[in-house]
Amino acid sequence: MAKGRLIYGFHAVTAKLKQDADAVLELHSDASRDDPRMRGLVTAAKEAGVRIVASVGHRLDQMLPGAKHQGVIAVVEGEVRAMDLEDILDGLDEPALILALDGVTDPHNLGACLRSADAMGVHAVVAPKDRAVGITPVVEKVASGAVETVPYLMVTNLARTLEMLQERGTFVVGLAGEGEADLPTLDLSGALTLVLGAEGAGLRRLTRERCDTLARIPMFGAVESLNVSVATGVSLYEARRQRGLAPLAPRERGRG
């Protein structure tokens, strides 16, 4: 098997082939699957010049124990590209939209947050190195290609990073159940950082104190709180709605 990192699942592998086919070294596919979805993926990989390795289910299971790989695993070269937040900000031609995640350690939640971030045109996602999950194969699968398109920056000190964003003219809004205002009542149309904490624990004290304001998502049912990935999607949509939902060029946003 070629050396590289592994990604799995139809969405993640298909997205990688579309975005950066040259980085896909091998496609390991379950030879027992002969359905249209598998045939389409294998054809796309062949057309991109990717080496196809027909395999069996238990060998794929050994490559990624416990993963729901759907019979598809790709070997891709290199690590997820590291980027500098200030360089990203310098390269923007619209007000910044940043997502900060404080203490999100579940890879499924992170993957879902990254997927929402991509959908809503977020320029970067930041998280603390000491209390966050990194990019794992599970994150890549759940994110369905967003790992390759949304910069995910793990910073040493999240509070200092928020301070830097404020100095750059960014309005920092923390999401909390005890927030001072309903999120839709705030002006989110300018440079904005939305800060969300892990489900249950919420925002840490220093993170909370660094925010310009705390806001809550209005709730109209019996449920008292939302999962962090759901809250991320709701919050980012409100920010993008206030910006007029203007369509962006396909993933040139945030790349400078």
Protein backbone atom coordinates (compact mmCIF):
# COMPACT_ATOMS: atom_id res chain seq x y z
CA MET A 1 0.00 0.00 0.00
CA ALA A 2 1.23 3.48 -0.82
CA LYS A 3 2.28 5.73 2.06
CA GLY A 4 -0.05 8.53 2.99
CA ARG A 5 -3.06 9.35 5.14
CA LEU A 6 -6.32 7.46 4.77
CA ILE A 7 -9.74 8.91 4.04
CA TYR A 8 -12.88 6.84 3.68
CA GLY A 9 -16.53 6.88 2.71
CA PHE A 10 -18.09 7.89 -0.61
CA HIS A 11 -18.59 11.58 0.20
CA ALA A 12 -15.07 12.22 1.47
CA VAL A 13 -13.32 10.26 -1.29
CA THR A 14 -15.49 11.73 -4.06
CA ALA A 15 -14.86 15.25 -2.77
CA LYS A 16 -11.10 14.63 -2.71
CA LEU A 17 -11.15 13.36 -6.29
CA LYS A 18 -13.02 16.47 -7.42
CA GLN A 19 -10.87 18.94 -5.48
CA ASP A 20 -7.39 17.45 -5.73
CA ALA A 21 -7.29 14.23 -7.72
CA ASP A 22 -3.50 14.44 -8.10
CA ALA A 23 -3.15 13.87 -4.35
CA VAL A 24 -5.08 10.57 -4.43
CA LEU A 25 -2.52 7.77 -4.64
CA GLU A 26 -4.71 4.67 -4.39
CA LEU A 27 -8.36 3.75 -4.15
CA HIS A 28 -9.09 0.57 -2.22
CA SER A 29 -12.58 -0.64 -3.09
CA ASP A 30 -14.66 -3.60 -1.96
CA ALA A 31 -14.65 -5.99 -4.93
CA SER A 32 -17.96 -7.50 -3.79
CA ARG A 33 -19.80 -4.23 -4.48
CA ASP A 34 -20.94 -3.79 -8.07
CA ASP A 35 -23.63 -1.14 -7.62
CA PRO A 36 -23.87 2.09 -9.66
CA ARG A 37 -22.41 4.22 -6.86
CA MET A 38 -19.27 2.09 -6.61
CA ARG A 39 -18.90 1.82 -10.37
CA GLY A 40 -19.19 5.58 -10.72
CA LEU A 41 -16.52 6.23 -8.10
CA VAL A 42 -14.11 3.66 -9.55
CA THR A 43 -14.62 5.11 -13.04
CA ALA A 44 -13.92 8.64 -11.79
CA ALA A 45 -10.77 7.42 -10.05
CA LYS A 46 -9.54 5.63 -13.16
CA GLU A 47 -10.16 8.70 -15.30
CA ALA A 48 -8.06 10.69 -12.81
CA GLY A 49 -5.23 8.18 -13.13
CA VAL A 50 -5.63 6.77 -9.63
CA ARG A 51 -4.42 3.24 -8.97
CA ILE A 52 -7.37 0.98 -8.10
CA VAL A 53 -6.88 -1.81 -5.57
CA ALA A 54 -9.74 -4.32 -5.50
CA SER A 55 -10.05 -5.64 -1.98
CA VAL A 56 -12.40 -7.49 0.33
CA GLY A 57 -14.32 -6.23 3.32
CA HIS A 58 -12.15 -7.68 6.08
CA ARG A 59 -8.98 -6.19 4.57
CA LEU A 60 -10.59 -2.78 4.46
CA ASP A 61 -11.66 -3.28 8.08
CA GLN A 62 -8.03 -3.95 8.98
CA MET A 63 -6.91 -0.73 7.29
CA LEU A 64 -9.28 1.34 9.43
CA PRO A 65 -10.57 -0.71 12.38
CA GLY A 66 -14.04 0.32 13.48
CA ALA A 67 -14.61 2.74 10.60
CA LYS A 68 -17.82 2.63 8.55
CA HIS A 69 -15.87 2.87 5.31
CA GLN A 70 -18.72 1.81 2.97
CA GLY A 71 -16.22 -0.28 1.04
CA VAL A 72 -14.15 2.72 -0.02
CA ILE A 73 -10.78 3.84 1.36
CA ALA A 74 -8.37 6.18 -0.41
CA VAL A 75 -4.71 6.78 0.30
CA VAL A 76 -3.87 10.45 -0.17
CA GLU A 77 -0.55 12.21 0.02
CA GLY A 78 0.51 14.87 2.46
CA GLU A 79 -1.05 16.32 5.56
CA VAL A 80 -3.95 18.72 5.71
CA ARG A 81 -2.39 22.04 4.75
CA ALA A 82 -1.54 24.32 7.67
CA MET A 83 -2.43 27.99 7.28
CA ASP A 84 -1.91 31.16 9.26
CA LEU A 85 -5.02 32.98 10.47
CA GLU A 86 -3.63 36.47 9.89
CA ASP A 87 -2.62 35.53 6.34
CA ILE A 88 -6.19 34.31 5.73
CA LEU A 89 -7.62 37.58 7.06
CA ASP A 90 -5.22 39.61 4.92
CA GLY A 91 -6.39 37.83 1.80
CA LEU A 92 -10.14 38.35 2.23
CA ASP A 93 -12.22 40.56 -0.03
CA GLU A 94 -15.31 40.44 2.21
CA PRO A 95 -15.85 40.81 5.98
CA ALA A 96 -14.34 37.88 7.85
CA LEU A 97 -16.56 35.04 9.03
CA ILE A 98 -14.67 32.92 11.55
CA LEU A 99 -15.89 29.98 13.63
CA ALA A 100 -14.18 29.30 16.97
CA LEU A 101 -14.84 25.98 18.71
CA ASP A 102 -13.95 25.81 22.40
CA GLY A 103 -13.54 22.25 23.67
CA VAL A 104 -15.11 20.22 20.87
CA THR A 105 -13.48 16.81 21.29
CA ASP A 106 -15.93 14.56 19.47
CA PRO A 107 -14.81 13.90 15.87
CA HIS A 108 -18.39 13.51 14.61
CA ASN A 109 -19.27 16.95 15.98
CA LEU A 110 -16.15 18.53 14.49
CA GLY A 111 -16.80 16.95 11.11
CA ALA A 112 -20.38 18.23 11.12
CA CYS A 113 -19.21 21.72 12.15
CA LEU A 114 -16.69 21.80 9.31
CA ARG A 115 -19.35 20.72 6.84
CA SER A 116 -21.65 23.55 7.97
CA ALA A 117 -18.69 25.95 7.90
CA ASP A 118 -18.01 25.07 4.28
CA ALA A 119 -21.69 25.41 3.34
CA MET A 120 -21.93 28.88 4.90
CA GLY A 121 -18.67 30.26 3.52
CA VAL A 122 -16.65 30.37 6.75
CA HIS A 123 -13.10 31.56 6.13
CA ALA A 124 -11.46 29.60 8.96
CA VAL A 125 -12.27 27.45 11.98
CA VAL A 126 -10.08 27.83 15.06
CA ALA A 127 -9.81 25.63 18.14
CA PRO A 128 -7.46 25.32 21.13
CA LYS A 129 -4.73 22.71 20.87
CA ASP A 130 -5.25 21.50 24.44
CA ARG A 131 -9.01 20.87 24.29
CA ALA A 132 -10.00 19.86 20.80
CA VAL A 133 -9.96 16.94 18.42
CA GLY A 134 -7.62 17.16 15.46
CA ILE A 135 -8.31 16.05 11.90
CA THR A 136 -8.91 12.28 11.99
CA PRO A 137 -10.31 9.87 9.40
CA VAL A 138 -13.68 10.07 11.20
CA VAL A 139 -13.64 13.88 10.96
CA GLU A 140 -12.80 13.68 7.25
CA LYS A 141 -15.65 11.26 6.56
CA VAL A 142 -18.29 13.27 8.45
CA ALA A 143 -17.04 16.54 6.93
CA SER A 144 -17.64 15.14 3.42
CA GLY A 145 -14.74 17.03 1.85
CA ALA A 146 -14.85 20.17 4.01
CA VAL A 147 -11.50 19.29 5.64
CA GLU A 148 -9.90 20.08 2.30
CA THR A 149 -11.72 23.38 1.81
CA VAL A 150 -12.04 25.04 5.23
CA PRO A 151 -8.82 25.92 7.10
CA TYR A 152 -8.87 24.29 10.57
CA LEU A 153 -6.36 26.03 12.82
CA MET A 154 -5.43 24.70 16.25
CA VAL A 155 -4.06 27.56 18.33
CA THR A 156 -2.05 27.60 21.55
CA ASN A 157 -4.25 30.16 23.29
CA LEU A 158 -7.82 30.63 22.08
CA ALA A 159 -8.46 33.72 24.23
CA ARG A 160 -5.43 35.48 22.71
CA THR A 161 -6.56 34.51 19.23
CA LEU A 162 -9.97 36.04 19.92
CA GLU A 163 -8.22 39.17 21.16
CA MET A 164 -6.25 39.35 17.92
CA LEU A 165 -9.46 39.00 15.94
CA GLN A 166 -10.99 41.85 17.94
CA GLU A 167 -7.96 44.01 17.22
CA ARG A 168 -8.56 43.26 13.53
CA GLY A 169 -12.06 44.67 13.85
CA THR A 170 -13.95 41.41 14.28
CA PHE A 171 -17.10 41.29 16.43
CA VAL A 172 -16.71 38.24 18.72
CA VAL A 173 -20.01 36.66 19.73
CA GLY A 174 -20.14 33.72 22.14
CA LEU A 175 -23.13 31.39 22.05
CA ALA A 176 -24.53 30.54 25.49
CA GLY A 177 -27.93 29.65 26.89
CA GLU A 178 -27.71 32.56 29.30
CA GLY A 179 -26.76 34.99 26.52
CA GLU A 180 -27.73 38.62 26.84
CA ALA A 181 -29.59 38.78 23.52
CA ASP A 182 -31.23 36.56 20.94
CA LEU A 183 -28.73 35.98 18.14
CA PRO A 184 -30.97 37.31 15.32
CA THR A 185 -31.28 40.68 17.09
CA LEU A 186 -27.54 41.33 16.77
CA ASP A 187 -25.87 42.86 13.74
CA LEU A 188 -23.84 39.99 12.31
CA SER A 189 -23.30 41.48 8.87
CA GLY A 190 -19.76 42.76 9.48
CA ALA A 191 -16.51 40.99 10.35
CA LEU A 192 -17.62 38.28 12.78
CA THR A 193 -16.31 35.46 14.93
CA LEU A 194 -18.87 33.06 16.34
CA VAL A 195 -17.65 31.11 19.38
CA LEU A 196 -19.30 27.87 20.43
CA GLY A 197 -18.42 25.52 23.25
CA ALA A 198 -18.75 21.80 23.65
CA GLU A 199 -22.15 20.38 24.47
CA GLY A 200 -22.60 20.29 28.24
CA ALA A 201 -19.44 22.15 29.25
CA GLY A 202 -20.10 25.22 27.11
CA LEU A 203 -17.57 28.02 26.86
CA ARG A 204 -14.65 28.16 29.24
CA ARG A 205 -14.42 31.16 31.54
CA LEU A 206 -11.53 32.89 29.78
CA THR A 207 -13.15 32.33 26.41
CA ARG A 208 -16.45 33.68 27.67
CA GLU A 209 -14.79 36.78 29.13
CA ARG A 210 -13.00 37.52 25.87
CA CYS A 211 -16.23 37.65 23.83
CA ASP A 212 -17.72 41.05 23.04
CA THR A 213 -21.14 39.71 23.92
CA LEU A 214 -22.97 36.48 24.63
CA ALA A 215 -26.01 35.52 22.60
CA ARG A 216 -28.52 32.73 22.68
CA ILE A 217 -30.38 30.88 19.96
CA PRO A 218 -34.14 31.33 20.53
CA MET A 219 -35.78 28.01 21.38
CA PHE A 220 -39.49 27.42 20.77
CA GLY A 221 -39.96 23.80 21.81
CA ALA A 222 -39.38 21.60 24.83
CA VAL A 223 -35.69 20.99 24.08
CA GLU A 224 -33.49 23.34 26.13
CA SER A 225 -30.27 23.15 24.13
CA LEU A 226 -28.81 22.10 20.79
CA ASN A 227 -25.90 19.88 19.91
CA VAL A 228 -22.84 22.03 19.07
CA SER A 229 -22.88 21.03 15.42
CA VAL A 230 -26.58 21.90 15.07
CA ALA A 231 -26.04 25.20 16.92
CA THR A 232 -23.13 25.92 14.57
CA GLY A 233 -25.30 25.44 11.50
CA VAL A 234 -28.11 27.62 12.87
CA SER A 235 -25.73 30.41 13.93
CA LEU A 236 -23.75 30.46 10.71
CA TYR A 237 -26.92 30.53 8.64
CA GLU A 238 -28.15 33.58 10.55
CA ALA A 239 -24.83 35.33 9.94
CA ARG A 240 -24.92 34.51 6.24
CA ARG A 241 -28.61 35.51 6.01
CA GLN A 242 -27.76 38.95 7.37
CA ARG A 243 -25.10 39.27 4.69
CA GLY A 244 -27.77 38.80 2.03
CA LEU A 245 -26.89 35.18 1.21
CA ALA A 246 -24.80 36.40 -1.72
CA PRO A 247 -23.26 33.37 -3.47
CA LEU A 248 -19.50 33.02 -3.24
CA ALA A 249 -17.04 31.76 -5.81
CA PRO A 250 -16.53 28.01 -5.25
CA ARG A 251 -14.00 27.74 -2.42
CA GLU A 252 -11.75 30.56 -3.40
CA ARG A 253 -13.08 32.25 -0.31
CA GLY A 254 -10.58 32.36 2.51
CA ARG A 255 -7.70 31.23 0.30
CA GLY A 256 -6.36 34.68 -0.49
